PDB file of N, CA and C in Angstrom:
ATOM      1  N   MET A   1      31.230  -5.290   7.735  1.00  0.00           N
ATOM      2  CA  MET A   1      30.028  -6.087   7.799  1.00  0.00           C
ATOM      3  C   MET A   1      28.897  -5.341   7.103  1.00  0.00           C
ATOM      4  N   LEU A   2      28.216  -6.066   6.260  1.00  0.00           N
ATOM      5  CA  LEU A   2      27.038  -5.502   5.606  1.00  0.00           C
ATOM      6  C   LEU A   2      25.783  -6.029   6.285  1.00  0.00           C
ATOM      7  N   TYR A   3      24.808  -5.155   6.421  1.00  0.00           N
ATOM      8  CA  TYR A   3      23.520  -5.549   6.973  1.00  0.00           C
ATOM      9  C   TYR A   3      22.408  -5.132   6.024  1.00  0.00           C
ATOM     10  N   MET A   4      21.470  -6.047   5.793  1.00  0.00           N
ATOM     11  CA  MET A   4      20.235  -5.713   5.098  1.00  0.00           C
ATOM     12  C   MET A   4      19.171  -5.658   6.184  1.00  0.00           C
ATOM     13  N   THR A   5      18.623  -4.481   6.370  1.00  0.00           N
ATOM     14  CA  THR A   5      17.639  -4.275   7.419  1.00  0.00           C
ATOM     15  C   THR A   5      16.265  -4.077   6.796  1.00  0.00           C
ATOM     16  N   THR A   6      15.296  -4.815   7.315  1.00  0.00           N
ATOM     17  CA  THR A   6      13.907  -4.637   6.908  1.00  0.00           C
ATOM     18  C   THR A   6      13.197  -3.907   8.040  1.00  0.00           C
ATOM     19  N   VAL A   7      12.575  -2.797   7.695  1.00  0.00           N
ATOM     20  CA  VAL A   7      11.808  -2.012   8.662  1.00  0.00           C
ATOM     21  C   VAL A   7      10.353  -2.054   8.213  1.00  0.00           C
ATOM     22  N   THR A   8       9.478  -2.505   9.102  1.00  0.00           N
ATOM     23  CA  THR A   8       8.057  -2.595   8.769  1.00  0.00           C
ATOM     24  C   THR A   8       7.225  -1.881   9.823  1.00  0.00           C
ATOM     25  N   TRP A   9       6.032  -1.477   9.418  1.00  0.00           N
ATOM     26  CA  TRP A   9       5.094  -0.857  10.351  1.00  0.00           C
ATOM     27  C   TRP A   9       3.683  -1.208   9.932  1.00  0.00           C
ATOM     28  N   GLU A  10       2.801  -1.157  10.902  1.00  0.00           N
ATOM     29  CA  GLU A  10       1.387  -1.469  10.672  1.00  0.00           C
ATOM     30  C   GLU A  10       0.701  -0.248  10.051  1.00  0.00           C
ATOM     31  N   PRO A  11      -0.345  -0.470   9.253  1.00  0.00           N
ATOM     32  CA  PRO A  11      -1.046   0.647   8.608  1.00  0.00           C
ATOM     33  C   PRO A  11      -1.444   1.790   9.542  1.00  0.00           C
ATOM     34  N   PRO A  12      -1.917   1.524  10.773  1.00  0.00           N
ATOM     35  CA  PRO A  12      -2.275   2.647  11.644  1.00  0.00           C
ATOM     36  C   PRO A  12      -1.074   3.531  12.040  1.00  0.00           C
ATOM     37  N   GLN A  13       0.137   3.006  11.910  1.00  0.00           N
ATOM     38  CA  GLN A  13       1.348   3.753  12.282  1.00  0.00           C
ATOM     39  C   GLN A  13       1.876   4.619  11.130  1.00  0.00           C
ATOM     40  N   ARG A  14       1.322   4.455   9.940  1.00  0.00           N
ATOM     41  CA  ARG A  14       1.843   5.110   8.742  1.00  0.00           C
ATOM     42  C   ARG A  14       2.042   6.616   8.919  1.00  0.00           C
ATOM     43  N   ASP A  15       1.020   7.316   9.353  1.00  0.00           N
ATOM     44  CA  ASP A  15       1.110   8.770   9.470  1.00  0.00           C
ATOM     45  C   ASP A  15       2.169   9.199  10.476  1.00  0.00           C
ATOM     46  N   GLU A  16       2.279   8.487  11.577  1.00  0.00           N
ATOM     47  CA  GLU A  16       3.288   8.814  12.587  1.00  0.00           C
ATOM     48  C   GLU A  16       4.699   8.540  12.059  1.00  0.00           C
ATOM     49  N   VAL A  17       4.872   7.444  11.310  1.00  0.00           N
ATOM     50  CA  VAL A  17       6.176   7.139  10.707  1.00  0.00           C
ATOM     51  C   VAL A  17       6.561   8.259   9.737  1.00  0.00           C
ATOM     52  N   LEU A  18       5.648   8.667   8.876  1.00  0.00           N
ATOM     53  CA  LEU A  18       5.930   9.734   7.904  1.00  0.00           C
ATOM     54  C   LEU A  18       6.221  11.065   8.602  1.00  0.00           C
ATOM     55  N   LYS A  19       5.477  11.358   9.653  1.00  0.00           N
ATOM     56  CA  LYS A  19       5.685  12.598  10.405  1.00  0.00           C
ATOM     57  C   LYS A  19       7.074  12.619  11.037  1.00  0.00           C
ATOM     58  N   ARG A  20       7.457  11.521  11.682  1.00  0.00           N
ATOM     59  CA  ARG A  20       8.772  11.467  12.330  1.00  0.00           C
ATOM     60  C   ARG A  20       9.884  11.529  11.291  1.00  0.00           C
ATOM     61  N   LEU A  21       9.693  10.857  10.180  1.00  0.00           N
ATOM     62  CA  LEU A  21      10.696  10.881   9.119  1.00  0.00           C
ATOM     63  C   LEU A  21      10.877  12.306   8.591  1.00  0.00           C
ATOM     64  N   ALA A  22       9.761  13.031   8.432  1.00  0.00           N
ATOM     65  CA  ALA A  22       9.830  14.408   7.933  1.00  0.00           C
ATOM     66  C   ALA A  22      10.472  15.359   8.933  1.00  0.00           C
ATOM     67  N   THR A  23      10.250  15.136  10.226  1.00  0.00           N
ATOM     68  CA  THR A  23      10.771  16.061  11.235  1.00  0.00           C
ATOM     69  C   THR A  23      12.155  15.691  11.751  1.00  0.00           C
ATOM     70  N   GLN A  24      12.443  14.391  11.850  1.00  0.00           N
ATOM     71  CA  GLN A  24      13.722  13.953  12.423  1.00  0.00           C
ATOM     72  C   GLN A  24      14.664  13.328  11.407  1.00  0.00           C
ATOM     73  N   GLY A  25      14.121  12.890  10.294  1.00  0.00           N
ATOM     74  CA  GLY A  25      14.940  12.216   9.298  1.00  0.00           C
ATOM     75  C   GLY A  25      15.227  10.785   9.715  1.00  0.00           C
ATOM     76  N   ALA A  26      15.852  10.060   8.820  1.00  0.00           N
ATOM     77  CA  ALA A  26      16.230   8.676   9.107  1.00  0.00           C
ATOM     78  C   ALA A  26      17.571   8.707   9.828  1.00  0.00           C
ATOM     79  N   LYS A  27      17.532   8.622  11.143  1.00  0.00           N
ATOM     80  CA  LYS A  27      18.756   8.713  11.939  1.00  0.00           C
ATOM     81  C   LYS A  27      19.538   7.407  11.843  1.00  0.00           C
ATOM     82  N   HIS A  28      20.860   7.564  11.723  1.00  0.00           N
ATOM     83  CA  HIS A  28      21.743   6.407  11.667  1.00  0.00           C
ATOM     84  C   HIS A  28      22.886   6.604  12.647  1.00  0.00           C
ATOM     85  N   SER A  29      23.406   5.522  13.122  1.00  0.00           N
ATOM     86  CA  SER A  29      24.490   5.562  14.100  1.00  0.00           C
ATOM     87  C   SER A  29      25.782   6.066  13.468  1.00  0.00           C
ATOM     88  N   PRO A  30      26.640   6.704  14.266  1.00  0.00           N
ATOM     89  CA  PRO A  30      27.931   7.186  13.757  1.00  0.00           C
ATOM     90  C   PRO A  30      28.751   6.029  13.197  1.00  0.00           C
ATOM     91  N   GLY A  31      29.359   6.239  12.050  1.00  0.00           N
ATOM     92  CA  GLY A  31      30.198   5.212  11.437  1.00  0.00           C
ATOM     93  C   GLY A  31      29.463   4.285  10.485  1.00  0.00           C
ATOM     94  N   VAL A  32      28.142   4.305  10.516  1.00  0.00           N
ATOM     95  CA  VAL A  32      27.351   3.452   9.625  1.00  0.00           C
ATOM     96  C   VAL A  32      27.202   4.165   8.285  1.00  0.00           C
ATOM     97  N   LYS A  33      27.544   3.451   7.207  1.00  0.00           N
ATOM     98  CA  LYS A  33      27.396   4.004   5.856  1.00  0.00           C
ATOM     99  C   LYS A  33      26.171   3.359   5.207  1.00  0.00           C
ATOM    100  N   ILE A  34      25.232   4.184   4.779  1.00  0.00           N
ATOM    101  CA  ILE A  34      24.042   3.686   4.110  1.00  0.00           C
ATOM    102  C   ILE A  34      24.375   3.542   2.626  1.00  0.00           C
ATOM    103  N   LEU A  35      24.270   2.310   2.120  1.00  0.00           N
ATOM    104  CA  LEU A  35      24.614   2.029   0.732  1.00  0.00           C
ATOM    105  C   LEU A  35      23.400   2.082  -0.182  1.00  0.00           C
ATOM    106  N   GLY A  36      22.236   1.948   0.387  1.00  0.00           N
ATOM    107  CA  GLY A  36      21.011   2.014  -0.407  1.00  0.00           C
ATOM    108  C   GLY A  36      19.790   1.831   0.471  1.00  0.00           C
ATOM    109  N   MET A  37      18.685   2.423   0.013  1.00  0.00           N
ATOM    110  CA  MET A  37      17.431   2.287   0.742  1.00  0.00           C
ATOM    111  C   MET A  37      16.316   2.175  -0.295  1.00  0.00           C
ATOM    112  N   TRP A  38      15.434   1.195  -0.087  1.00  0.00           N
ATOM    113  CA  TRP A  38      14.352   0.942  -1.018  1.00  0.00           C
ATOM    114  C   TRP A  38      13.039   0.873  -0.262  1.00  0.00           C
ATOM    115  N   ALA A  39      12.019   1.504  -0.822  1.00  0.00           N
ATOM    116  CA  ALA A  39      10.694   1.490  -0.216  1.00  0.00           C
ATOM    117  C   ALA A  39       9.804   0.522  -0.981  1.00  0.00           C
ATOM    118  N   ASP A  40       9.031  -0.237  -0.262  1.00  0.00           N
ATOM    119  CA  ASP A  40       8.017  -1.108  -0.847  1.00  0.00           C
ATOM    120  C   ASP A  40       6.930  -0.192  -1.408  1.00  0.00           C
ATOM    121  N   ILE A  41       6.661  -0.258  -2.692  1.00  0.00           N
ATOM    122  CA  ILE A  41       5.699   0.656  -3.308  1.00  0.00           C
ATOM    123  C   ILE A  41       4.271   0.424  -2.827  1.00  0.00           C
ATOM    124  N   HIS A  42       4.037  -0.695  -2.174  1.00  0.00           N
ATOM    125  CA  HIS A  42       2.714  -0.972  -1.613  1.00  0.00           C
ATOM    126  C   HIS A  42       2.591  -0.448  -0.188  1.00  0.00           C
ATOM    127  N   GLY A  43       3.685   0.045   0.361  1.00  0.00           N
ATOM    128  CA  GLY A  43       3.681   0.667   1.682  1.00  0.00           C
ATOM    129  C   GLY A  43       3.999  -0.284   2.813  1.00  0.00           C
ATOM    130  N   GLY A  44       4.340   0.302   3.961  1.00  0.00           N
ATOM    131  CA  GLY A  44       4.540  -0.448   5.186  1.00  0.00           C
ATOM    132  C   GLY A  44       5.876  -1.145   5.340  1.00  0.00           C
ATOM    133  N   ARG A  45       6.821  -0.887   4.400  1.00  0.00           N
ATOM    134  CA  ARG A  45       8.095  -1.605   4.512  1.00  0.00           C
ATOM    135  C   ARG A  45       9.190  -0.842   3.762  1.00  0.00           C
ATOM    136  N   VAL A  46      10.377  -0.835   4.373  1.00  0.00           N
ATOM    137  CA  VAL A  46      11.574  -0.250   3.771  1.00  0.00           C
ATOM    138  C   VAL A  46      12.719  -1.238   3.949  1.00  0.00           C
ATOM    139  N   TYR A  47      13.589  -1.321   2.951  1.00  0.00           N
ATOM    140  CA  TYR A  47      14.799  -2.146   3.012  1.00  0.00           C
ATOM    141  C   TYR A  47      15.996  -1.210   2.962  1.00  0.00           C
ATOM    142  N   GLU A  48      16.988  -1.494   3.797  1.00  0.00           N
ATOM    143  CA  GLU A  48      18.169  -0.640   3.856  1.00  0.00           C
ATOM    144  C   GLU A  48      19.418  -1.501   3.893  1.00  0.00           C
ATOM    145  N   LEU A  49      20.361  -1.218   2.992  1.00  0.00           N
ATOM    146  CA  LEU A  49      21.651  -1.897   2.989  1.00  0.00           C
ATOM    147  C   LEU A  49      22.669  -0.945   3.590  1.00  0.00           C
ATOM    148  N   SER A  50      23.367  -1.398   4.628  1.00  0.00           N
ATOM    149  CA  SER A  50      24.323  -0.533   5.313  1.00  0.00           C
ATOM    150  C   SER A  50      25.628  -1.268   5.582  1.00  0.00           C
ATOM    151  N   ASP A  51      26.704  -0.484   5.631  1.00  0.00           N
ATOM    152  CA  ASP A  51      28.039  -1.001   5.890  1.00  0.00           C
ATOM    153  C   ASP A  51      28.445  -0.588   7.305  1.00  0.00           C
ATOM    154  N   TRP A  52      28.720  -1.589   8.129  1.00  0.00           N
ATOM    155  CA  TRP A  52      29.090  -1.364   9.532  1.00  0.00           C
ATOM    156  C   TRP A  52      30.576  -1.623   9.774  1.00  0.00           C
ATOM    157  N   SER A  53      31.381  -1.627   8.723  1.00  0.00           N
ATOM    158  CA  SER A  53      32.810  -1.949   8.856  1.00  0.00           C
ATOM    159  C   SER A  53      33.551  -1.023   9.813  1.00  0.00           C
ATOM    160  N   ASP A  54      33.131   0.234   9.904  1.00  0.00           N
ATOM    161  CA  ASP A  54      33.818   1.206  10.749  1.00  0.00           C
ATOM    162  C   ASP A  54      33.247   1.295  12.164  1.00  0.00           C
ATOM    163  N   VAL A  55      32.308   0.415  12.493  1.00  0.00           N
ATOM    164  CA  VAL A  55      31.672   0.454  13.813  1.00  0.00           C
ATOM    165  C   VAL A  55      32.281  -0.635  14.687  1.00  0.00           C
ATOM    166  N   ASN A  56      32.879  -0.227  15.794  1.00  0.00           N
ATOM    167  CA  ASN A  56      33.527  -1.179  16.692  1.00  0.00           C
ATOM    168  C   ASN A  56      32.937  -1.157  18.101  1.00  0.00           C
ATOM    169  N   ASP A  57      31.794  -0.520  18.261  1.00  0.00           N
ATOM    170  CA  ASP A  57      31.195  -0.360  19.577  1.00  0.00           C
ATOM    171  C   ASP A  57      29.840  -1.062  19.627  1.00  0.00           C
ATOM    172  N   PRO A  58      29.708  -2.112  20.442  1.00  0.00           N
ATOM    173  CA  PRO A  58      28.432  -2.832  20.515  1.00  0.00           C
ATOM    174  C   PRO A  58      27.265  -1.947  20.945  1.00  0.00           C
ATOM    175  N   LYS A  59      27.560  -0.864  21.700  1.00  0.00           N
ATOM    176  CA  LYS A  59      26.493   0.050  22.118  1.00  0.00           C
ATOM    177  C   LYS A  59      25.808   0.677  20.905  1.00  0.00           C
ATOM    178  N   ILE A  60      26.586   0.964  19.871  1.00  0.00           N
ATOM    179  CA  ILE A  60      26.029   1.573  18.663  1.00  0.00           C
ATOM    180  C   ILE A  60      25.036   0.615  18.003  1.00  0.00           C
ATOM    181  N   GLU A  61      25.380  -0.671  17.952  1.00  0.00           N
ATOM    182  CA  GLU A  61      24.463  -1.648  17.369  1.00  0.00           C
ATOM    183  C   GLU A  61      23.170  -1.740  18.182  1.00  0.00           C
ATOM    184  N   ILE A  62      23.298  -1.715  19.491  1.00  0.00           N
ATOM    185  CA  ILE A  62      22.115  -1.794  20.358  1.00  0.00           C
ATOM    186  C   ILE A  62      21.246  -0.553  20.167  1.00  0.00           C
ATOM    187  N   GLN A  63      21.866   0.619  20.134  1.00  0.00           N
ATOM    188  CA  GLN A  63      21.115   1.854  19.930  1.00  0.00           C
ATOM    189  C   GLN A  63      20.417   1.860  18.577  1.00  0.00           C
ATOM    190  N   ALA A  64      21.087   1.381  17.547  1.00  0.00           N
ATOM    191  CA  ALA A  64      20.513   1.365  16.200  1.00  0.00           C
ATOM    192  C   ALA A  64      19.259   0.507  16.141  1.00  0.00           C
ATOM    193  N   ALA A  65      19.229  -0.555  16.912  1.00  0.00           N
ATOM    194  CA  ALA A  65      18.072  -1.446  16.909  1.00  0.00           C
ATOM    195  C   ALA A  65      16.879  -0.850  17.634  1.00  0.00           C
ATOM    196  N   HIS A  66      17.097   0.220  18.387  1.00  0.00           N
ATOM    197  CA  HIS A  66      16.012   0.791  19.189  1.00  0.00           C
ATOM    198  C   HIS A  66      15.555   2.179  18.741  1.00  0.00           C
ATOM    199  N   VAL A  67      16.111   2.694  17.648  1.00  0.00           N
ATOM    200  CA  VAL A  67      15.802   4.050  17.197  1.00  0.00           C
ATOM    201  C   VAL A  67      14.313   4.242  16.897  1.00  0.00           C
ATOM    202  N   TRP A  68      13.734   3.327  16.152  1.00  0.00           N
ATOM    203  CA  TRP A  68      12.336   3.451  15.722  1.00  0.00           C
ATOM    204  C   TRP A  68      11.458   2.370  16.336  1.00  0.00           C
ATOM    205  N   ASN A  69      11.962   1.738  17.350  1.00  0.00           N
ATOM    206  CA  ASN A  69      11.298   0.598  18.001  1.00  0.00           C
ATOM    207  C   ASN A  69       9.854   0.813  18.421  1.00  0.00           C
ATOM    208  N   ASP A  70       9.523   2.029  18.783  1.00  0.00           N
ATOM    209  CA  ASP A  70       8.167   2.287  19.264  1.00  0.00           C
ATOM    210  C   ASP A  70       7.133   2.293  18.139  1.00  0.00           C
ATOM    211  N   LEU A  71       7.595   2.478  16.885  1.00  0.00           N
ATOM    212  CA  LEU A  71       6.676   2.522  15.754  1.00  0.00           C
ATOM    213  C   LEU A  71       6.857   1.370  14.773  1.00  0.00           C
ATOM    214  N   CYS A  72       8.056   0.840  14.714  1.00  0.00           N
ATOM    215  CA  CYS A  72       8.397  -0.115  13.659  1.00  0.00           C
ATOM    216  C   CYS A  72       9.031  -1.386  14.207  1.00  0.00           C
ATOM    217  N   LYS A  73       8.965  -2.407  13.398  1.00  0.00           N
ATOM    218  CA  LYS A  73       9.710  -3.634  13.662  1.00  0.00           C
ATOM    219  C   LYS A  73      10.973  -3.555  12.810  1.00  0.00           C
ATOM    220  N   ILE A  74      12.124  -3.724  13.439  1.00  0.00           N
ATOM    221  CA  ILE A  74      13.413  -3.586  12.767  1.00  0.00           C
ATOM    222  C   ILE A  74      14.124  -4.932  12.785  1.00  0.00           C
ATOM    223  N   GLU A  75      14.446  -5.442  11.582  1.00  0.00           N
ATOM    224  CA  GLU A  75      15.073  -6.755  11.466  1.00  0.00           C
ATOM    225  C   GLU A  75      16.365  -6.669  10.656  1.00  0.00           C
ATOM    226  N   PRO A  76      17.513  -6.514  11.348  1.00  0.00           N
ATOM    227  CA  PRO A  76      18.789  -6.497  10.640  1.00  0.00           C
ATOM    228  C   PRO A  76      19.313  -7.921  10.417  1.00  0.00           C
ATOM    229  N   VAL A  77      19.863  -8.149   9.240  1.00  0.00           N
ATOM    230  CA  VAL A  77      20.450  -9.449   8.903  1.00  0.00           C
ATOM    231  C   VAL A  77      21.817  -9.190   8.280  1.00  0.00           C
ATOM    232  N   GLN A  78      22.847  -9.841   8.807  1.00  0.00           N
ATOM    233  CA  GLN A  78      24.175  -9.686   8.224  1.00  0.00           C
ATOM    234  C   GLN A  78      24.199 -10.426   6.891  1.00  0.00           C
ATOM    235  N   VAL A  79      24.689  -9.741   5.834  1.00  0.00           N
ATOM    236  CA  VAL A  79      24.705 -10.326   4.499  1.00  0.00           C
ATOM    237  C   VAL A  79      26.095 -10.219   3.890  1.00  0.00           C
ATOM    238  N   MET A  80      26.268 -10.969   2.796  1.00  0.00           N
ATOM    239  CA  MET A  80      27.532 -10.990   2.077  1.00  0.00           C
ATOM    240  C   MET A  80      27.220 -11.132   0.598  1.00  0.00           C
ATOM    241  N   ASN A  81      28.035 -10.536  -0.238  1.00  0.00           N
ATOM    242  CA  ASN A  81      27.900 -10.706  -1.675  1.00  0.00           C
ATOM    243  C   ASN A  81      27.881 -12.200  -1.995  1.00  0.00           C
ATOM    244  N   ALA A  82      26.956 -12.649  -2.832  1.00  0.00           N
ATOM    245  CA  ALA A  82      26.783 -14.079  -3.108  1.00  0.00           C
ATOM    246  C   ALA A  82      28.031 -14.714  -3.711  1.00  0.00           C
ATOM    247  N   GLU A  83      28.716 -13.990  -4.586  1.00  0.00           N
ATOM    248  CA  GLU A  83      29.937 -14.525  -5.200  1.00  0.00           C
ATOM    249  C   GLU A  83      31.020 -14.746  -4.133  1.00  0.00           C
ATOM    250  N   GLU A  84      31.177 -13.774  -3.251  1.00  0.00           N
ATOM    251  CA  GLU A  84      32.144 -13.880  -2.157  1.00  0.00           C
ATOM    252  C   GLU A  84      31.762 -15.042  -1.223  1.00  0.00           C
ATOM    253  N   PHE A  85      30.474 -15.156  -0.928  1.00  0.00           N
ATOM    254  CA  PHE A  85      29.977 -16.237  -0.084  1.00  0.00           C
ATOM    255  C   PHE A  85      30.340 -17.595  -0.680  1.00  0.00           C
ATOM    256  N   MET A  86      30.146 -17.770  -1.983  1.00  0.00           N
ATOM    257  CA  MET A  86      30.456 -19.042  -2.638  1.00  0.00           C
ATOM    258  C   MET A  86      31.943 -19.359  -2.560  1.00  0.00           C
ATOM    259  N   LYS A  87      32.781 -18.356  -2.678  1.00  0.00           N
ATOM    260  CA  LYS A  87      34.223 -18.569  -2.553  1.00  0.00           C
ATOM    261  C   LYS A  87      34.593 -19.048  -1.148  1.00  0.00           C
ATOM    262  N   VAL A  88      34.001 -18.422  -0.137  1.00  0.00           N
ATOM    263  CA  VAL A  88      34.275 -18.794   1.248  1.00  0.00           C
ATOM    264  C   VAL A  88      33.794 -20.219   1.519  1.00  0.00           C
ATOM    265  N   ILE A  89      32.604 -20.536   1.083  1.00  0.00           N
ATOM    266  CA  ILE A  89      32.046 -21.880   1.295  1.00  0.00           C
ATOM    267  C   ILE A  89      32.882 -22.927   0.563  1.00  0.00           C
ATOM    268  N   SER A  90      33.285 -22.633  -0.667  1.00  0.00           N
ATOM    269  CA  SER A  90      34.076 -23.584  -1.464  1.00  0.00           C
ATOM    270  C   SER A  90      35.429 -23.867  -0.842  1.00  0.00           C
ATOM    271  N   SER A  91      36.030 -22.860  -0.213  1.00  0.00           N
ATOM    272  CA  SER A  91      37.353 -23.048   0.380  1.00  0.00           C
ATOM    273  C   SER A  91      37.311 -23.866   1.667  1.00  0.00           C
ATOM    274  N   LYS A  92      36.130 -24.035   2.257  1.00  0.00           N
ATOM    275  CA  LYS A  92      36.014 -24.784   3.507  1.00  0.00           C
ATOM    276  C   LYS A  92      35.751 -26.259   3.275  1.00  0.00           C
ATOM    277  N   GLN A  93      35.547 -26.665   2.050  1.00  0.00           N
ATOM    278  CA  GLN A  93      35.236 -28.072   1.768  1.00  0.00           C
ATOM    279  C   GLN A  93      36.445 -28.853   1.337  1.00  0.00           C
TER     280      GLN A  93
END
């Protein structure tokens, strides 16, 4: 399963987000493979593409959603390659 996660924070949280990132790093759950991470050049937002294929424990998903909860809004969305999606949709009709 692939997830595109949007992480956002309010301007007053910026310094605390940067401080935590510098001291603790971007923590990820065991088994999660980070395929890419992009920062909004205007600030306040990061996009992360991750592969959860090796994760079989719902506790890990719950923990991942709460890692930065006190500073950021975390919105994971399950995604699929568009070409693959079209093949799946076409086969169901």
